[in-house]
Amino acid sequence: KQWSSLNTIYFCHLHLVLFQVQILLHQQLIFLNQTHPTSDFLFLTFHFPLPTFYYLMNYLALDYGEHRVGVAFADSELRMAFARETIDQKTTNLFERLDQLVKINKIDEFVVGMPYHPDGRTDGKNVVVEAFVKDLKLRFPGMPVHTQDESYSSVQAQERTSYFSKKKKQKNKAVIDQLAAQIILQRWLDENA
């Protein structure tokens, strides 16, 4: 059994080393393509793909509101959520912006904050969010859309910005929205490790 576990550890370590080597080769070949764009280098690049045993997943979280939508980002490697931006629906088409974000960041899955009462009962706001989730699934067919309890996420976001002055808080409501999305996404990552 001890020999078997040592073999497993050695095998995993070897795979990680090979993975790092392949990434370095991949990056070097991309650089060579940019500096010496020849067909030979292009051929090499496409014949050194990233290993199939590891696939990086990218997540986009949304704190949906009828006026503003907070956005946060994370990947499966770091598993740390980062506040990204706030989409103002009065000035920006939400789904057009989401199309851009999905393409730029190669998003694989969505996480949407769902409003619930502390005792688990649904909030009146959940009807609006559920309708948005349906629209999201129609807009991005085949892409998983997860929901995550968003209870107190806005309160936590406000606590993180407690050092703002009152005037600054009013101007920076958008910051609170994206911080709330970050909190929602981090909860989902922690619960789905």
C-alpha atoms as a PDB file:
ATOM      1  CA  LYS A   1       0.000   0.000   0.000  1.00  0.00           C
ATOM      2  CA  GLN A   2       2.831   2.351   0.873  1.00  0.00           C
ATOM      3  CA  TRP A   3       4.505   1.637  -2.492  1.00  0.00           C
ATOM      4  CA  SER A   4       1.188   2.259  -4.252  1.00  0.00           C
ATOM      5  CA  SER A   5       0.692   5.649  -2.547  1.00  0.00           C
ATOM      6  CA  LEU A   6       4.299   6.648  -3.336  1.00  0.00           C
ATOM      7  CA  ASN A   7       3.714   5.747  -6.985  1.00  0.00           C
ATOM      8  CA  THR A   8       0.561   7.868  -7.027  1.00  0.00           C
ATOM      9  CA  ILE A   9       2.384  10.863  -5.515  1.00  0.00           C
ATOM     10  CA  TYR A  10       5.277  10.459  -7.965  1.00  0.00           C
ATOM     11  CA  PHE A  11       2.861  10.165 -10.909  1.00  0.00           C
ATOM     12  CA  CYS A  12       0.957  13.321  -9.873  1.00  0.00           C
ATOM     13  CA  HIS A  13       4.214  15.241  -9.382  1.00  0.00           C
ATOM     14  CA  LEU A  14       5.458  14.107 -12.791  1.00  0.00           C
ATOM     15  CA  HIS A  15       2.226  15.260 -14.424  1.00  0.00           C
ATOM     16  CA  LEU A  16       2.521  18.688 -12.772  1.00  0.00           C
ATOM     17  CA  VAL A  17       6.114  19.076 -13.947  1.00  0.00           C
ATOM     18  CA  LEU A  18       5.153  18.044 -17.503  1.00  0.00           C
ATOM     19  CA  PHE A  19       2.226  20.454 -17.371  1.00  0.00           C
ATOM     20  CA  GLN A  20       4.515  23.360 -16.370  1.00  0.00           C
ATOM     21  CA  VAL A  21       7.021  22.441 -19.092  1.00  0.00           C
ATOM     22  CA  GLN A  22       4.273  22.335 -21.718  1.00  0.00           C
ATOM     23  CA  ILE A  23       2.948  25.724 -20.625  1.00  0.00           C
ATOM     24  CA  LEU A  24       6.449  27.229 -20.912  1.00  0.00           C
ATOM     25  CA  LEU A  25       6.888  25.681 -24.371  1.00  0.00           C
ATOM     26  CA  HIS A  26       3.471  26.938 -25.401  1.00  0.00           C
ATOM     27  CA  GLN A  27       4.293  30.489 -24.235  1.00  0.00           C
ATOM     28  CA  GLN A  28       7.690  30.447 -25.960  1.00  0.00           C
ATOM     29  CA  LEU A  29       6.175  29.274 -29.235  1.00  0.00           C
ATOM     30  CA  ILE A  30       3.514  31.973 -29.086  1.00  0.00           C
ATOM     31  CA  PHE A  31       6.280  34.550 -28.552  1.00  0.00           C
ATOM     32  CA  LEU A  32       8.224  33.129 -31.514  1.00  0.00           C
ATOM     33  CA  ASN A  33       5.113  33.355 -33.684  1.00  0.00           C
ATOM     34  CA  GLN A  34       4.737  37.019 -32.778  1.00  0.00           C
ATOM     35  CA  THR A  35       8.382  37.856 -33.492  1.00  0.00           C
ATOM     36  CA  HIS A  36       8.940  35.436 -36.434  1.00  0.00           C
ATOM     37  CA  PRO A  37       5.575  34.738 -38.065  1.00  0.00           C
ATOM     38  CA  THR A  38       6.468  31.743 -40.244  1.00  0.00           C
ATOM     39  CA  SER A  39       4.440  28.677 -41.063  1.00  0.00           C
ATOM     40  CA  ASP A  40       6.981  26.442 -39.282  1.00  0.00           C
ATOM     41  CA  PHE A  41       6.460  28.168 -35.953  1.00  0.00           C
ATOM     42  CA  LEU A  42       2.698  28.169 -36.441  1.00  0.00           C
ATOM     43  CA  PHE A  43       2.860  24.445 -37.084  1.00  0.00           C
ATOM     44  CA  LEU A  44       4.781  23.939 -33.835  1.00  0.00           C
ATOM     45  CA  THR A  45       2.357  26.024 -31.809  1.00  0.00           C
ATOM     46  CA  PHE A  46      -0.656  24.029 -32.840  1.00  0.00           C
ATOM     47  CA  HIS A  47       1.144  20.765 -32.132  1.00  0.00           C
ATOM     48  CA  PHE A  48       1.920  21.675 -28.516  1.00  0.00           C
ATOM     49  CA  PRO A  49      -1.555  21.945 -26.967  1.00  0.00           C
ATOM     50  CA  LEU A  50      -2.078  22.278 -23.243  1.00  0.00           C
ATOM     51  CA  PRO A  51      -2.426  18.861 -21.604  1.00  0.00           C
ATOM     52  CA  THR A  52      -5.885  17.318 -21.686  1.00  0.00           C
ATOM     53  CA  PHE A  53      -5.822  16.160 -18.048  1.00  0.00           C
ATOM     54  CA  TYR A  54      -6.140  19.757 -16.806  1.00  0.00           C
ATOM     55  CA  TYR A  55      -8.800  22.213 -17.917  1.00  0.00           C
ATOM     56  CA  LEU A  56      -9.045  25.690 -16.454  1.00  0.00           C
ATOM     57  CA  MET A  57     -12.631  26.759 -15.770  1.00  0.00           C
ATOM     58  CA  ASN A  58     -13.618  30.420 -15.752  1.00  0.00           C
ATOM     59  CA  TYR A  59     -16.598  31.667 -13.746  1.00  0.00           C
ATOM     60  CA  LEU A  60     -18.590  34.895 -14.000  1.00  0.00           C
ATOM     61  CA  ALA A  61     -20.811  35.900 -11.089  1.00  0.00           C
ATOM     62  CA  LEU A  62     -23.677  38.352 -11.308  1.00  0.00           C
ATOM     63  CA  ASP A  63     -25.395  40.300  -8.541  1.00  0.00           C
ATOM     64  CA  TYR A  64     -28.507  41.095 -10.550  1.00  0.00           C
ATOM     65  CA  GLY A  65     -30.504  44.263 -10.050  1.00  0.00           C
ATOM     66  CA  GLU A  66     -33.016  45.912 -12.335  1.00  0.00           C
ATOM     67  CA  HIS A  67     -30.835  49.048 -12.545  1.00  0.00           C
ATOM     68  CA  ARG A  68     -27.297  47.773 -11.912  1.00  0.00           C
ATOM     69  CA  VAL A  69     -25.596  44.374 -12.176  1.00  0.00           C
ATOM     70  CA  GLY A  70     -22.434  43.659 -10.211  1.00  0.00           C
ATOM     71  CA  VAL A  71     -19.915  41.399 -11.941  1.00  0.00           C
ATOM     72  CA  ALA A  72     -17.125  39.259 -10.462  1.00  0.00           C
ATOM     73  CA  PHE A  73     -14.665  36.786 -11.967  1.00  0.00           C
ATOM     74  CA  ALA A  74     -12.787  33.662 -10.811  1.00  0.00           C
ATOM     75  CA  ASP A  75     -11.043  30.624 -12.263  1.00  0.00           C
ATOM     76  CA  SER A  76     -10.698  27.037 -11.083  1.00  0.00           C
ATOM     77  CA  GLU A  77      -6.963  27.365 -10.449  1.00  0.00           C
ATOM     78  CA  LEU A  78      -6.842  30.237  -7.931  1.00  0.00           C
ATOM     79  CA  ARG A  79     -10.447  29.764  -6.711  1.00  0.00           C
ATOM     80  CA  MET A  80     -10.453  33.392  -5.571  1.00  0.00           C
ATOM     81  CA  ALA A  81     -13.202  35.762  -6.644  1.00  0.00           C
ATOM     82  CA  PHE A  82     -12.326  39.239  -7.935  1.00  0.00           C
ATOM     83  CA  ALA A  83     -14.724  42.161  -8.340  1.00  0.00           C
ATOM     84  CA  ARG A  84     -14.794  43.050 -12.028  1.00  0.00           C
ATOM     85  CA  GLU A  85     -17.243  45.809 -12.888  1.00  0.00           C
ATOM     86  CA  THR A  86     -20.805  47.064 -12.543  1.00  0.00           C
ATOM     87  CA  ILE A  87     -23.091  47.194 -15.554  1.00  0.00           C
ATOM     88  CA  ASP A  88     -25.492  50.138 -15.521  1.00  0.00           C
ATOM     89  CA  GLN A  89     -28.578  48.931 -17.380  1.00  0.00           C
ATOM     90  CA  LYS A  90     -29.706  52.502 -17.995  1.00  0.00           C
ATOM     91  CA  THR A  91     -26.734  53.162 -20.254  1.00  0.00           C
ATOM     92  CA  THR A  92     -25.558  49.680 -21.299  1.00  0.00           C
ATOM     93  CA  ASN A  93     -27.345  46.727 -22.872  1.00  0.00           C
ATOM     94  CA  LEU A  94     -26.815  43.979 -20.288  1.00  0.00           C
ATOM     95  CA  PHE A  95     -26.738  40.976 -22.611  1.00  0.00           C
ATOM     96  CA  GLU A  96     -24.502  42.663 -25.165  1.00  0.00           C
ATOM     97  CA  ARG A  97     -21.995  43.418 -22.394  1.00  0.00           C
ATOM     98  CA  LEU A  98     -22.255  39.848 -21.078  1.00  0.00           C
ATOM     99  CA  ASP A  99     -21.563  38.568 -24.614  1.00  0.00           C
ATOM    100  CA  GLN A 100     -18.346  40.620 -24.612  1.00  0.00           C
ATOM    101  CA  LEU A 101     -17.291  39.453 -21.135  1.00  0.00           C
ATOM    102  CA  VAL A 102     -17.917  35.795 -21.996  1.00  0.00           C
ATOM    103  CA  LYS A 103     -15.803  36.035 -25.153  1.00  0.00           C
ATOM    104  CA  ILE A 104     -12.966  38.086 -23.625  1.00  0.00           C
ATOM    105  CA  ASN A 105     -12.664  35.971 -20.473  1.00  0.00           C
ATOM    106  CA  LYS A 106     -13.626  32.610 -22.062  1.00  0.00           C
ATOM    107  CA  ILE A 107     -16.313  32.055 -19.432  1.00  0.00           C
ATOM    108  CA  ASP A 108     -17.475  28.476 -18.845  1.00  0.00           C
ATOM    109  CA  GLU A 109     -20.120  28.921 -16.135  1.00  0.00           C
ATOM    110  CA  PHE A 110     -22.290  31.611 -14.548  1.00  0.00           C
ATOM    111  CA  VAL A 111     -23.103  32.075 -10.864  1.00  0.00           C
ATOM    112  CA  VAL A 112     -26.101  34.284 -10.079  1.00  0.00           C
ATOM    113  CA  GLY A 113     -26.946  35.601  -6.622  1.00  0.00           C
ATOM    114  CA  MET A 114     -30.434  34.529  -5.507  1.00  0.00           C
ATOM    115  CA  PRO A 115     -32.203  36.579  -2.794  1.00  0.00           C
ATOM    116  CA  TYR A 116     -33.541  34.567   0.160  1.00  0.00           C
ATOM    117  CA  HIS A 117     -34.684  35.423   3.669  1.00  0.00           C
ATOM    118  CA  PRO A 118     -32.358  34.314   6.502  1.00  0.00           C
ATOM    119  CA  ASP A 119     -34.757  31.421   7.270  1.00  0.00           C
ATOM    120  CA  GLY A 120     -34.517  30.162   3.686  1.00  0.00           C
ATOM    121  CA  ARG A 121     -37.859  31.515   2.443  1.00  0.00           C
ATOM    122  CA  THR A 122     -37.826  33.070  -1.001  1.00  0.00           C
ATOM    123  CA  ASP A 123     -37.820  36.833  -1.201  1.00  0.00           C
ATOM    124  CA  GLY A 124     -40.175  38.760  -3.485  1.00  0.00           C
ATOM    125  CA  LYS A 125     -37.094  39.820  -5.463  1.00  0.00           C
ATOM    126  CA  ASN A 126     -36.329  36.193  -6.355  1.00  0.00           C
ATOM    127  CA  VAL A 127     -39.077  36.245  -9.027  1.00  0.00           C
ATOM    128  CA  VAL A 128     -37.183  38.938 -10.948  1.00  0.00           C
ATOM    129  CA  VAL A 129     -33.864  37.101 -10.576  1.00  0.00           C
ATOM    130  CA  GLU A 130     -35.414  33.758 -11.629  1.00  0.00           C
ATOM    131  CA  ALA A 131     -36.753  35.439 -14.793  1.00  0.00           C
ATOM    132  CA  PHE A 132     -33.258  36.804 -15.467  1.00  0.00           C
ATOM    133  CA  VAL A 133     -31.715  33.335 -14.983  1.00  0.00           C
ATOM    134  CA  LYS A 134     -34.134  31.936 -17.584  1.00  0.00           C
ATOM    135  CA  ASP A 135     -33.159  34.686 -20.037  1.00  0.00           C
ATOM    136  CA  LEU A 136     -29.477  34.018 -19.311  1.00  0.00           C
ATOM    137  CA  LYS A 137     -29.890  30.315 -20.109  1.00  0.00           C
ATOM    138  CA  LEU A 138     -31.643  31.183 -23.372  1.00  0.00           C
ATOM    139  CA  ARG A 139     -28.915  33.654 -24.326  1.00  0.00           C
ATOM    140  CA  PHE A 140     -26.101  31.186 -23.509  1.00  0.00           C
ATOM    141  CA  PRO A 141     -27.508  27.727 -24.262  1.00  0.00           C
ATOM    142  CA  GLY A 142     -25.460  24.834 -22.939  1.00  0.00           C
ATOM    143  CA  MET A 143     -23.587  27.012 -20.435  1.00  0.00           C
ATOM    144  CA  PRO A 144     -24.284  26.069 -16.793  1.00  0.00           C
ATOM    145  CA  VAL A 145     -25.964  28.753 -14.688  1.00  0.00           C
ATOM    146  CA  HIS A 146     -25.704  28.215 -10.923  1.00  0.00           C
ATOM    147  CA  THR A 147     -27.575  30.151  -8.256  1.00  0.00           C
ATOM    148  CA  GLN A 148     -26.089  31.067  -4.885  1.00  0.00           C
ATOM    149  CA  ASP A 149     -27.762  32.453  -1.778  1.00  0.00           C
ATOM    150  CA  GLU A 150     -26.876  36.147  -1.717  1.00  0.00           C
ATOM    151  CA  SER A 151     -28.072  36.835   1.830  1.00  0.00           C
ATOM    152  CA  TYR A 152     -26.176  39.701   3.453  1.00  0.00           C
ATOM    153  CA  SER A 153     -23.767  40.011   0.507  1.00  0.00           C
ATOM    154  CA  SER A 154     -24.712  43.679   0.042  1.00  0.00           C
ATOM    155  CA  VAL A 155     -24.386  44.287   3.794  1.00  0.00           C
ATOM    156  CA  GLN A 156     -20.895  42.752   3.763  1.00  0.00           C
ATOM    157  CA  ALA A 157     -19.996  44.826   0.703  1.00  0.00           C
ATOM    158  CA  GLN A 158     -21.152  47.988   2.504  1.00  0.00           C
ATOM    159  CA  GLU A 159     -19.034  47.055   5.533  1.00  0.00           C
ATOM    160  CA  ARG A 160     -15.999  46.772   3.261  1.00  0.00           C
ATOM    161  CA  THR A 161     -16.639  50.305   2.014  1.00  0.00           C
ATOM    162  CA  SER A 162     -17.460  51.758   5.461  1.00  0.00           C
ATOM    163  CA  TYR A 163     -14.453  54.078   5.210  1.00  0.00           C
ATOM    164  CA  PHE A 164     -16.062  55.891   2.262  1.00  0.00           C
ATOM    165  CA  SER A 165     -17.572  59.295   2.975  1.00  0.00           C
ATOM    166  CA  LYS A 166     -21.366  59.639   2.539  1.00  0.00           C
ATOM    167  CA  LYS A 167     -20.922  61.507  -0.745  1.00  0.00           C
ATOM    168  CA  LYS A 168     -18.454  58.943  -2.012  1.00  0.00           C
ATOM    169  CA  LYS A 169     -20.790  56.086  -1.031  1.00  0.00           C
ATOM    170  CA  GLN A 170     -23.614  57.595  -3.057  1.00  0.00           C
ATOM    171  CA  LYS A 171     -21.318  57.933  -6.069  1.00  0.00           C
ATOM    172  CA  ASN A 172     -19.855  54.474  -5.578  1.00  0.00           C
ATOM    173  CA  LYS A 173     -22.962  52.312  -5.275  1.00  0.00           C
ATOM    174  CA  ALA A 174     -21.556  50.541  -8.319  1.00  0.00           C
ATOM    175  CA  VAL A 175     -18.543  49.454  -6.241  1.00  0.00           C
ATOM    176  CA  ILE A 176     -20.874  47.835  -3.681  1.00  0.00           C
ATOM    177  CA  ASP A 177     -22.651  45.907  -6.457  1.00  0.00           C
ATOM    178  CA  GLN A 178     -19.441  44.388  -7.786  1.00  0.00           C
ATOM    179  CA  LEU A 179     -18.175  43.622  -4.276  1.00  0.00           C
ATOM    180  CA  ALA A 180     -21.484  41.851  -3.579  1.00  0.00           C
ATOM    181  CA  ALA A 181     -20.928  39.775  -6.756  1.00  0.00           C
ATOM    182  CA  GLN A 182     -17.425  38.947  -5.498  1.00  0.00           C
ATOM    183  CA  ILE A 183     -18.814  37.756  -2.133  1.00  0.00           C
ATOM    184  CA  ILE A 184     -21.481  35.643  -3.881  1.00  0.00           C
ATOM    185  CA  LEU A 185     -18.905  34.011  -6.138  1.00  0.00           C
ATOM    186  CA  GLN A 186     -16.468  33.317  -3.292  1.00  0.00           C
ATOM    187  CA  ARG A 187     -19.265  31.626  -1.317  1.00  0.00           C
ATOM    188  CA  TRP A 188     -20.085  29.446  -4.302  1.00  0.00           C
ATOM    189  CA  LEU A 189     -16.428  28.516  -4.822  1.00  0.00           C
ATOM    190  CA  ASP A 190     -16.007  27.656  -1.125  1.00  0.00           C
ATOM    191  CA  GLU A 191     -19.141  25.512  -1.096  1.00  0.00           C
ATOM    192  CA  ASN A 192     -18.302  23.739  -4.347  1.00  0.00           C
ATOM    193  CA  ALA A 193     -14.611  23.004  -3.844  1.00  0.00           C
END
